[in-house]
């Protein structure tokens, strides 16, 4: 159910709100769901997910550090798509 909300190409508001709610958990489980959706998203949906990721996870230095730490954990995820996105975001964070 959450995956469908995260990749709802017809309603990007729902996509962004769902992603933000999951990311506000500030845990690997919520981030994993968002990264998994990001991996297979079309351009519009990916834009919304990216806005949510950077908007929630990079508000402050502390948020960005937590985001990087969670991504570092998820580069070992069993799902290759999640691993790849976690690596990509770690690269973006520098």
PDB file of N, CA and C in Angstrom:
ATOM      1  N   UNK A   1       0.819  -1.200   0.000  1.00  0.00           N
ATOM      2  CA  UNK A   1       0.000   0.000   0.000  1.00  0.00           C
ATOM      3  C   UNK A   1       0.860   1.261   0.000  1.00  0.00           C
ATOM      4  N   UNK A   2       1.852   1.332   0.893  1.00  0.00           N
ATOM      5  CA  UNK A   2       2.707   2.515   0.931  1.00  0.00           C
ATOM      6  C   UNK A   2       3.446   2.704  -0.385  1.00  0.00           C
ATOM      7  N   UNK A   3       3.913   1.633  -0.965  1.00  0.00           N
ATOM      8  CA  UNK A   3       4.633   1.735  -2.242  1.00  0.00           C
ATOM      9  C   UNK A   3       3.754   2.388  -3.303  1.00  0.00           C
ATOM     10  N   UNK A   4       2.479   2.009  -3.362  1.00  0.00           N
ATOM     11  CA  UNK A   4       1.569   2.615  -4.347  1.00  0.00           C
ATOM     12  C   UNK A   4       1.424   4.103  -4.115  1.00  0.00           C
ATOM     13  N   UNK A   5       1.362   4.505  -2.863  1.00  0.00           N
ATOM     14  CA  UNK A   5       1.260   5.932  -2.552  1.00  0.00           C
ATOM     15  C   UNK A   5       2.529   6.677  -2.929  1.00  0.00           C
ATOM     16  N   UNK A   6       3.668   6.022  -2.775  1.00  0.00           N
ATOM     17  CA  UNK A   6       4.947   6.661  -3.077  1.00  0.00           C
ATOM     18  C   UNK A   6       5.207   6.812  -4.574  1.00  0.00           C
ATOM     19  N   UNK A   7       4.572   5.997  -5.368  1.00  0.00           N
ATOM     20  CA  UNK A   7       4.809   6.067  -6.818  1.00  0.00           C
ATOM     21  C   UNK A   7       3.544   6.453  -7.582  1.00  0.00           C
ATOM     22  N   UNK A   8       2.646   7.157  -6.929  1.00  0.00           N
ATOM     23  CA  UNK A   8       1.397   7.585  -7.557  1.00  0.00           C
ATOM     24  C   UNK A   8       1.673   8.731  -8.528  1.00  0.00           C
ATOM     25  N   UNK A   9       1.955   8.374  -9.769  1.00  0.00           N
ATOM     26  CA  UNK A   9       2.265   9.368 -10.789  1.00  0.00           C
ATOM     27  C   UNK A   9       1.118  10.315 -11.087  1.00  0.00           C
ATOM     28  N   UNK A  10      -0.088   9.937 -10.723  1.00  0.00           N
ATOM     29  CA  UNK A  10      -1.237  10.783 -10.972  1.00  0.00           C
ATOM     30  C   UNK A  10      -1.475  11.816  -9.896  1.00  0.00           C
ATOM     31  N   UNK A  11      -0.828  11.668  -8.760  1.00  0.00           N
ATOM     32  CA  UNK A  11      -1.047  12.605  -7.659  1.00  0.00           C
ATOM     33  C   UNK A  11       0.258  12.788  -6.885  1.00  0.00           C
ATOM     34  N   UNK A  12       1.074  13.713  -7.372  1.00  0.00           N
ATOM     35  CA  UNK A  12       2.383  13.905  -6.755  1.00  0.00           C
ATOM     36  C   UNK A  12       2.268  14.487  -5.350  1.00  0.00           C
ATOM     37  N   UNK A  13       1.157  15.119  -5.014  1.00  0.00           N
ATOM     38  CA  UNK A  13       0.955  15.607  -3.647  1.00  0.00           C
ATOM     39  C   UNK A  13       0.941  14.422  -2.684  1.00  0.00           C
ATOM     40  N   UNK A  14       0.226  13.373  -3.050  1.00  0.00           N
ATOM     41  CA  UNK A  14       0.158  12.169  -2.220  1.00  0.00           C
ATOM     42  C   UNK A  14       1.559  11.559  -2.098  1.00  0.00           C
ATOM     43  N   UNK A  15       2.274  11.519  -3.209  1.00  0.00           N
ATOM     44  CA  UNK A  15       3.636  10.986  -3.198  1.00  0.00           C
ATOM     45  C   UNK A  15       4.504  11.744  -2.208  1.00  0.00           C
ATOM     46  N   UNK A  16       4.511  13.058  -2.317  1.00  0.00           N
ATOM     47  CA  UNK A  16       5.388  13.858  -1.456  1.00  0.00           C
ATOM     48  C   UNK A  16       4.962  13.771   0.004  1.00  0.00           C
ATOM     49  N   UNK A  17       3.683  13.833   0.282  1.00  0.00           N
ATOM     50  CA  UNK A  17       3.212  13.757   1.666  1.00  0.00           C
ATOM     51  C   UNK A  17       3.537  12.406   2.304  1.00  0.00           C
ATOM     52  N   UNK A  18       3.366  11.337   1.536  1.00  0.00           N
ATOM     53  CA  UNK A  18       3.681  10.004   2.050  1.00  0.00           C
ATOM     54  C   UNK A  18       5.171   9.891   2.325  1.00  0.00           C
ATOM     55  N   UNK A  19       5.981  10.348   1.379  1.00  0.00           N
ATOM     56  CA  UNK A  19       7.437  10.295   1.561  1.00  0.00           C
ATOM     57  C   UNK A  19       7.859  11.113   2.775  1.00  0.00           C
ATOM     58  N   UNK A  20       7.325  12.309   2.913  1.00  0.00           N
ATOM     59  CA  UNK A  20       7.691  13.149   4.050  1.00  0.00           C
ATOM     60  C   UNK A  20       7.319  12.493   5.375  1.00  0.00           C
ATOM     61  N   UNK A  21       6.150  11.890   5.427  1.00  0.00           N
ATOM     62  CA  UNK A  21       5.728  11.221   6.665  1.00  0.00           C
ATOM     63  C   UNK A  21       6.671  10.066   7.014  1.00  0.00           C
ATOM     64  N   UNK A  22       7.055   9.291   6.018  1.00  0.00           N
ATOM     65  CA  UNK A  22       7.987   8.181   6.265  1.00  0.00           C
ATOM     66  C   UNK A  22       9.358   8.698   6.689  1.00  0.00           C
ATOM     67  N   UNK A  23       9.805   9.764   6.069  1.00  0.00           N
ATOM     68  CA  UNK A  23      11.123  10.309   6.381  1.00  0.00           C
ATOM     69  C   UNK A  23      11.158  10.993   7.739  1.00  0.00           C
ATOM     70  N   UNK A  24      10.039  11.525   8.174  1.00  0.00           N
ATOM     71  CA  UNK A  24       9.962  12.153   9.495  1.00  0.00           C
ATOM     72  C   UNK A  24      10.191  11.134  10.612  1.00  0.00           C
ATOM     73  N   UNK A  25      10.058   9.854  10.304  1.00  0.00           N
ATOM     74  CA  UNK A  25      10.360   8.805  11.282  1.00  0.00           C
ATOM     75  C   UNK A  25      11.844   8.817  11.639  1.00  0.00           C
ATOM     76  N   UNK A  26      12.646   9.282  10.691  1.00  0.00           N
ATOM     77  CA  UNK A  26      14.095   9.367  10.862  1.00  0.00           C
ATOM     78  C   UNK A  26      14.722   8.012  11.216  1.00  0.00           C
ATOM     79  N   UNK A  27      14.271   6.996  10.471  1.00  0.00           N
ATOM     80  CA  UNK A  27      14.841   5.675  10.671  1.00  0.00           C
ATOM     81  C   UNK A  27      15.094   4.997   9.330  1.00  0.00           C
ATOM     82  N   UNK A  28      15.853   3.922   9.373  1.00  0.00           N
ATOM     83  CA  UNK A  28      16.223   3.213   8.152  1.00  0.00           C
ATOM     84  C   UNK A  28      15.009   2.612   7.451  1.00  0.00           C
ATOM     85  N   UNK A  29      14.032   2.198   8.207  1.00  0.00           N
ATOM     86  CA  UNK A  29      12.847   1.564   7.606  1.00  0.00           C
ATOM     87  C   UNK A  29      12.081   2.541   6.707  1.00  0.00           C
ATOM     88  N   UNK A  30      11.836   3.739   7.211  1.00  0.00           N
ATOM     89  CA  UNK A  30      11.139   4.747   6.406  1.00  0.00           C
ATOM     90  C   UNK A  30      11.962   5.158   5.204  1.00  0.00           C
ATOM     91  N   UNK A  31      13.257   5.403   5.417  1.00  0.00           N
ATOM     92  CA  UNK A  31      14.129   5.800   4.309  1.00  0.00           C
ATOM     93  C   UNK A  31      14.223   4.694   3.272  1.00  0.00           C
ATOM     94  N   UNK A  32      14.278   3.455   3.716  1.00  0.00           N
ATOM     95  CA  UNK A  32      14.355   2.322   2.791  1.00  0.00           C
ATOM     96  C   UNK A  32      13.161   2.302   1.840  1.00  0.00           C
ATOM     97  N   UNK A  33      11.973   2.532   2.363  1.00  0.00           N
ATOM     98  CA  UNK A  33      10.772   2.552   1.521  1.00  0.00           C
ATOM     99  C   UNK A  33      10.839   3.659   0.483  1.00  0.00           C
ATOM    100  N   UNK A  34      11.293   4.826   0.907  1.00  0.00           N
ATOM    101  CA  UNK A  34      11.377   5.964  -0.018  1.00  0.00           C
ATOM    102  C   UNK A  34      12.457   5.708  -1.075  1.00  0.00           C
ATOM    103  N   UNK A  35      13.609   5.214  -0.673  1.00  0.00           N
ATOM    104  CA  UNK A  35      14.669   4.930  -1.648  1.00  0.00           C
ATOM    105  C   UNK A  35      14.246   3.844  -2.630  1.00  0.00           C
ATOM    106  N   UNK A  36      13.538   2.843  -2.151  1.00  0.00           N
ATOM    107  CA  UNK A  36      13.045   1.798  -3.039  1.00  0.00           C
ATOM    108  C   UNK A  36      12.085   2.348  -4.080  1.00  0.00           C
ATOM    109  N   UNK A  37      11.225   3.259  -3.666  1.00  0.00           N
ATOM    110  CA  UNK A  37      10.289   3.891  -4.604  1.00  0.00           C
ATOM    111  C   UNK A  37      11.035   4.803  -5.566  1.00  0.00           C
ATOM    112  N   UNK A  38      12.018   5.523  -5.050  1.00  0.00           N
ATOM    113  CA  UNK A  38      12.795   6.450  -5.879  1.00  0.00           C
ATOM    114  C   UNK A  38      13.467   5.716  -7.033  1.00  0.00           C
ATOM    115  N   UNK A  39      13.941   4.515  -6.763  1.00  0.00           N
ATOM    116  CA  UNK A  39      14.675   3.741  -7.767  1.00  0.00           C
ATOM    117  C   UNK A  39      13.849   3.468  -9.016  1.00  0.00           C
ATOM    118  N   UNK A  40      12.557   3.266  -8.863  1.00  0.00           N
ATOM    119  CA  UNK A  40      11.732   2.925 -10.019  1.00  0.00           C
ATOM    120  C   UNK A  40      10.766   4.014 -10.447  1.00  0.00           C
ATOM    121  N   UNK A  41      10.950   5.217  -9.927  1.00  0.00           N
ATOM    122  CA  UNK A  41       9.993   6.295 -10.164  1.00  0.00           C
ATOM    123  C   UNK A  41      10.195   6.962 -11.525  1.00  0.00           C
ATOM    124  N   UNK A  42       9.080   7.445 -12.096  1.00  0.00           N
ATOM    125  CA  UNK A  42       9.189   8.260 -13.304  1.00  0.00           C
ATOM    126  C   UNK A  42       9.740   9.638 -12.909  1.00  0.00           C
ATOM    127  N   UNK A  43      10.017  10.487 -13.885  1.00  0.00           N
ATOM    128  CA  UNK A  43      10.679  11.768 -13.604  1.00  0.00           C
ATOM    129  C   UNK A  43       9.909  12.658 -12.642  1.00  0.00           C
ATOM    130  N   UNK A  44       8.595  12.803 -12.856  1.00  0.00           N
ATOM    131  CA  UNK A  44       7.795  13.673 -11.976  1.00  0.00           C
ATOM    132  C   UNK A  44       7.768  13.137 -10.547  1.00  0.00           C
ATOM    133  N   UNK A  45       7.573  11.844 -10.433  1.00  0.00           N
ATOM    134  CA  UNK A  45       7.526  11.229  -9.108  1.00  0.00           C
ATOM    135  C   UNK A  45       8.892  11.311  -8.439  1.00  0.00           C
ATOM    136  N   UNK A  46       9.951  11.066  -9.203  1.00  0.00           N
ATOM    137  CA  UNK A  46      11.308  11.161  -8.650  1.00  0.00           C
ATOM    138  C   UNK A  46      11.588  12.576  -8.144  1.00  0.00           C
ATOM    139  N   UNK A  47      11.102  13.579  -8.856  1.00  0.00           N
ATOM    140  CA  UNK A  47      11.277  14.964  -8.406  1.00  0.00           C
ATOM    141  C   UNK A  47      10.607  15.179  -7.052  1.00  0.00           C
ATOM    142  N   UNK A  48       9.400  14.666  -6.890  1.00  0.00           N
ATOM    143  CA  UNK A  48       8.680  14.819  -5.624  1.00  0.00           C
ATOM    144  C   UNK A  48       9.395  14.077  -4.496  1.00  0.00           C
ATOM    145  N   UNK A  49       9.861  12.879  -4.785  1.00  0.00           N
ATOM    146  CA  UNK A  49      10.575  12.100  -3.770  1.00  0.00           C
ATOM    147  C   UNK A  49      11.892  12.777  -3.391  1.00  0.00           C
ATOM    148  N   UNK A  50      12.579  13.296  -4.386  1.00  0.00           N
ATOM    149  CA  UNK A  50      13.833  14.000  -4.119  1.00  0.00           C
ATOM    150  C   UNK A  50      13.589  15.246  -3.271  1.00  0.00           C
ATOM    151  N   UNK A  51      12.544  16.002  -3.598  1.00  0.00           N
ATOM    152  CA  UNK A  51      12.191  17.186  -2.798  1.00  0.00           C
ATOM    153  C   UNK A  51      11.918  16.787  -1.350  1.00  0.00           C
ATOM    154  N   UNK A  52      11.208  15.686  -1.173  1.00  0.00           N
ATOM    155  CA  UNK A  52      10.909  15.221   0.183  1.00  0.00           C
ATOM    156  C   UNK A  52      12.194  14.792   0.896  1.00  0.00           C
ATOM    157  N   UNK A  53      13.044  14.049   0.198  1.00  0.00           N
ATOM    158  CA  UNK A  53      14.291  13.589   0.809  1.00  0.00           C
ATOM    159  C   UNK A  53      15.159  14.752   1.267  1.00  0.00           C
ATOM    160  N   UNK A  54      15.414  15.685   0.375  1.00  0.00           N
ATOM    161  CA  UNK A  54      16.281  16.791   0.749  1.00  0.00           C
ATOM    162  C   UNK A  54      15.577  17.767   1.691  1.00  0.00           C
ATOM    163  N   UNK A  55      14.263  17.908   1.536  1.00  0.00           N
ATOM    164  CA  UNK A  55      13.520  18.809   2.412  1.00  0.00           C
ATOM    165  C   UNK A  55      13.449  18.340   3.852  1.00  0.00           C
ATOM    166  N   UNK A  56      13.271  17.060   4.046  1.00  0.00           N
ATOM    167  CA  UNK A  56      13.155  16.509   5.405  1.00  0.00           C
ATOM    168  C   UNK A  56      14.533  16.129   5.965  1.00  0.00           C
ATOM    169  N   UNK A  57      15.344  15.522   5.135  1.00  0.00           N
ATOM    170  CA  UNK A  57      16.591  14.939   5.634  1.00  0.00           C
ATOM    171  C   UNK A  57      17.778  15.890   5.650  1.00  0.00           C
ATOM    172  N   UNK A  58      17.629  17.051   5.091  1.00  0.00           N
ATOM    173  CA  UNK A  58      18.766  17.977   5.030  1.00  0.00           C
ATOM    174  C   UNK A  58      18.404  19.371   5.522  1.00  0.00           C
ATOM    175  N   UNK A  59      17.423  19.474   6.392  1.00  0.00           N
ATOM    176  CA  UNK A  59      17.033  20.783   6.943  1.00  0.00           C
ATOM    177  C   UNK A  59      18.157  21.396   7.755  1.00  0.00           C
ATOM    178  N   UNK A  60      18.809  20.573   8.537  1.00  0.00           N
ATOM    179  CA  UNK A  60      19.885  21.041   9.406  1.00  0.00           C
ATOM    180  C   UNK A  60      21.101  20.147   9.207  1.00  0.00           C
ATOM    181  N   UNK A  61      22.214  20.584   9.750  1.00  0.00           N
ATOM    182  CA  UNK A  61      23.427  19.765   9.681  1.00  0.00           C
ATOM    183  C   UNK A  61      23.192  18.418  10.373  1.00  0.00           C
ATOM    184  N   UNK A  62      22.508  18.447  11.502  1.00  0.00           N
ATOM    185  CA  UNK A  62      22.214  17.215  12.234  1.00  0.00           C
ATOM    186  C   UNK A  62      21.352  16.274  11.391  1.00  0.00           C
ATOM    187  N   UNK A  63      20.346  16.827  10.711  1.00  0.00           N
ATOM    188  CA  UNK A  63      19.500  16.013   9.828  1.00  0.00           C
ATOM    189  C   UNK A  63      20.338  15.371   8.726  1.00  0.00           C
ATOM    190  N   UNK A  64      21.214  16.160   8.110  1.00  0.00           N
ATOM    191  CA  UNK A  64      22.045  15.655   7.014  1.00  0.00           C
ATOM    192  C   UNK A  64      22.988  14.563   7.514  1.00  0.00           C
ATOM    193  N   UNK A  65      23.523  14.741   8.715  1.00  0.00           N
ATOM    194  CA  UNK A  65      24.397  13.713   9.286  1.00  0.00           C
ATOM    195  C   UNK A  65      23.627  12.425   9.552  1.00  0.00           C
ATOM    196  N   UNK A  66      22.410  12.547  10.067  1.00  0.00           N
ATOM    197  CA  UNK A  66      21.574  11.363  10.318  1.00  0.00           C
ATOM    198  C   UNK A  66      21.224  10.686   8.995  1.00  0.00           C
ATOM    199  N   UNK A  67      20.883  11.476   7.983  1.00  0.00           N
ATOM    200  CA  UNK A  67      20.565  10.957   6.651  1.00  0.00           C
ATOM    201  C   UNK A  67      21.764  10.192   6.093  1.00  0.00           C
ATOM    202  N   UNK A  68      22.948  10.764   6.204  1.00  0.00           N
ATOM    203  CA  UNK A  68      24.154  10.093   5.712  1.00  0.00           C
ATOM    204  C   UNK A  68      24.393   8.793   6.472  1.00  0.00           C
ATOM    205  N   UNK A  69      24.193   8.803   7.775  1.00  0.00           N
ATOM    206  CA  UNK A  69      24.391   7.596   8.579  1.00  0.00           C
ATOM    207  C   UNK A  69      23.398   6.508   8.172  1.00  0.00           C
ATOM    208  N   UNK A  70      22.151   6.893   7.928  1.00  0.00           N
ATOM    209  CA  UNK A  70      21.153   5.911   7.497  1.00  0.00           C
ATOM    210  C   UNK A  70      21.478   5.373   6.109  1.00  0.00           C
ATOM    211  N   UNK A  71      21.913   6.254   5.216  1.00  0.00           N
ATOM    212  CA  UNK A  71      22.304   5.797   3.880  1.00  0.00           C
ATOM    213  C   UNK A  71      23.481   4.842   3.969  1.00  0.00           C
ATOM    214  N   UNK A  72      24.417   5.120   4.876  1.00  0.00           N
ATOM    215  CA  UNK A  72      25.576   4.242   5.054  1.00  0.00           C
ATOM    216  C   UNK A  72      25.142   2.840   5.481  1.00  0.00           C
ATOM    217  N   UNK A  73      24.097   2.769   6.283  1.00  0.00           N
ATOM    218  CA  UNK A  73      23.549   1.467   6.678  1.00  0.00           C
ATOM    219  C   UNK A  73      22.882   0.801   5.474  1.00  0.00           C
ATOM    220  N   UNK A  74      22.155   1.592   4.690  1.00  0.00           N
ATOM    221  CA  UNK A  74      21.368   1.026   3.588  1.00  0.00           C
ATOM    222  C   UNK A  74      22.207   0.649   2.373  1.00  0.00           C
ATOM    223  N   UNK A  75      23.473   1.031   2.319  1.00  0.00           N
ATOM    224  CA  UNK A  75      24.317   0.548   1.215  1.00  0.00           C
ATOM    225  C   UNK A  75      24.586  -0.950   1.350  1.00  0.00           C
ATOM    226  N   UNK A  76      24.188  -1.519   2.470  1.00  0.00           N
ATOM    227  CA  UNK A  76      24.305  -2.966   2.691  1.00  0.00           C
ATOM    228  C   UNK A  76      22.951  -3.666   2.599  1.00  0.00           C
ATOM    229  N   UNK A  77      21.911  -2.957   2.157  1.00  0.00           N
ATOM    230  CA  UNK A  77      20.562  -3.511   2.090  1.00  0.00           C
ATOM    231  C   UNK A  77      20.515  -4.678   1.101  1.00  0.00           C
ATOM    232  N   UNK A  78      19.686  -5.682   1.370  1.00  0.00           N
ATOM    233  CA  UNK A  78      19.554  -6.804   0.438  1.00  0.00           C
ATOM    234  C   UNK A  78      18.969  -6.403  -0.919  1.00  0.00           C
ATOM    235  N   UNK A  79      18.200  -5.334  -0.965  1.00  0.00           N
ATOM    236  CA  UNK A  79      17.582  -4.869  -2.211  1.00  0.00           C
ATOM    237  C   UNK A  79      18.588  -4.005  -2.975  1.00  0.00           C
ATOM    238  N   UNK A  80      18.957  -4.466  -4.151  1.00  0.00           N
ATOM    239  CA  UNK A  80      19.941  -3.746  -4.966  1.00  0.00           C
ATOM    240  C   UNK A  80      19.535  -2.331  -5.315  1.00  0.00           C
ATOM    241  N   UNK A  81      18.251  -2.107  -5.534  1.00  0.00           N
ATOM    242  CA  UNK A  81      17.773  -0.762  -5.857  1.00  0.00           C
ATOM    243  C   UNK A  81      17.978   0.181  -4.673  1.00  0.00           C
ATOM    244  N   UNK A  82      17.670  -0.289  -3.497  1.00  0.00           N
ATOM    245  CA  UNK A  82      17.860   0.518  -2.284  1.00  0.00           C
ATOM    246  C   UNK A  82      19.345   0.797  -2.086  1.00  0.00           C
ATOM    247  N   UNK A  83      20.173  -0.234  -2.254  1.00  0.00           N
ATOM    248  CA  UNK A  83      21.638  -0.058  -2.127  1.00  0.00           C
ATOM    249  C   UNK A  83      22.142   1.016  -3.084  1.00  0.00           C
ATOM    250  N   UNK A  84      21.703   0.932  -4.321  1.00  0.00           N
ATOM    251  CA  UNK A  84      22.153   1.885  -5.334  1.00  0.00           C
ATOM    252  C   UNK A  84      21.740   3.307  -5.021  1.00  0.00           C
ATOM    253  N   UNK A  85      20.509   3.489  -4.593  1.00  0.00           N
ATOM    254  CA  UNK A  85      20.046   4.835  -4.257  1.00  0.00           C
ATOM    255  C   UNK A  85      20.754   5.362  -3.017  1.00  0.00           C
ATOM    256  N   UNK A  86      20.988   4.509  -2.041  1.00  0.00           N
ATOM    257  CA  UNK A  86      21.703   4.945  -0.835  1.00  0.00           C
ATOM    258  C   UNK A  86      23.116   5.411  -1.215  1.00  0.00           C
ATOM    259  N   UNK A  87      23.776   4.682  -2.099  1.00  0.00           N
ATOM    260  CA  UNK A  87      25.113   5.084  -2.566  1.00  0.00           C
ATOM    261  C   UNK A  87      25.043   6.428  -3.283  1.00  0.00           C
ATOM    262  N   UNK A  88      24.054   6.580  -4.147  1.00  0.00           N
ATOM    263  CA  UNK A  88      23.921   7.822  -4.920  1.00  0.00           C
ATOM    264  C   UNK A  88      23.732   9.011  -3.990  1.00  0.00           C
ATOM    265  N   UNK A  89      22.816   8.876  -3.023  1.00  0.00           N
ATOM    266  CA  UNK A  89      22.574   9.984  -2.096  1.00  0.00           C
ATOM    267  C   UNK A  89      23.793  10.266  -1.231  1.00  0.00           C
ATOM    268  N   UNK A  90      24.509   9.242  -0.818  1.00  0.00           N
ATOM    269  CA  UNK A  90      25.748   9.475  -0.061  1.00  0.00           C
ATOM    270  C   UNK A  90      26.733  10.303  -0.904  1.00  0.00           C
ATOM    271  N   UNK A  91      26.808   9.995  -2.182  1.00  0.00           N
ATOM    272  CA  UNK A  91      27.667  10.773  -3.079  1.00  0.00           C
ATOM    273  C   UNK A  91      27.215  12.218  -3.188  1.00  0.00           C
ATOM    274  N   UNK A  92      25.917  12.453  -3.196  1.00  0.00           N
ATOM    275  CA  UNK A  92      25.393  13.818  -3.272  1.00  0.00           C
ATOM    276  C   UNK A  92      25.688  14.616  -2.021  1.00  0.00           C
ATOM    277  N   UNK A  93      25.736  13.916  -0.903  1.00  0.00           N
ATOM    278  CA  UNK A  93      26.004  14.593   0.358  1.00  0.00           C
ATOM    279  C   UNK A  93      27.481  14.939   0.514  1.00  0.00           C
ATOM    280  N   UNK A  94      28.316  14.316  -0.316  1.00  0.00           N
ATOM    281  CA  UNK A  94      29.750  14.627  -0.270  1.00  0.00           C
ATOM    282  C   UNK A  94      30.400  13.902   0.807  1.00  0.00           C
TER     283      UNK A  94
END
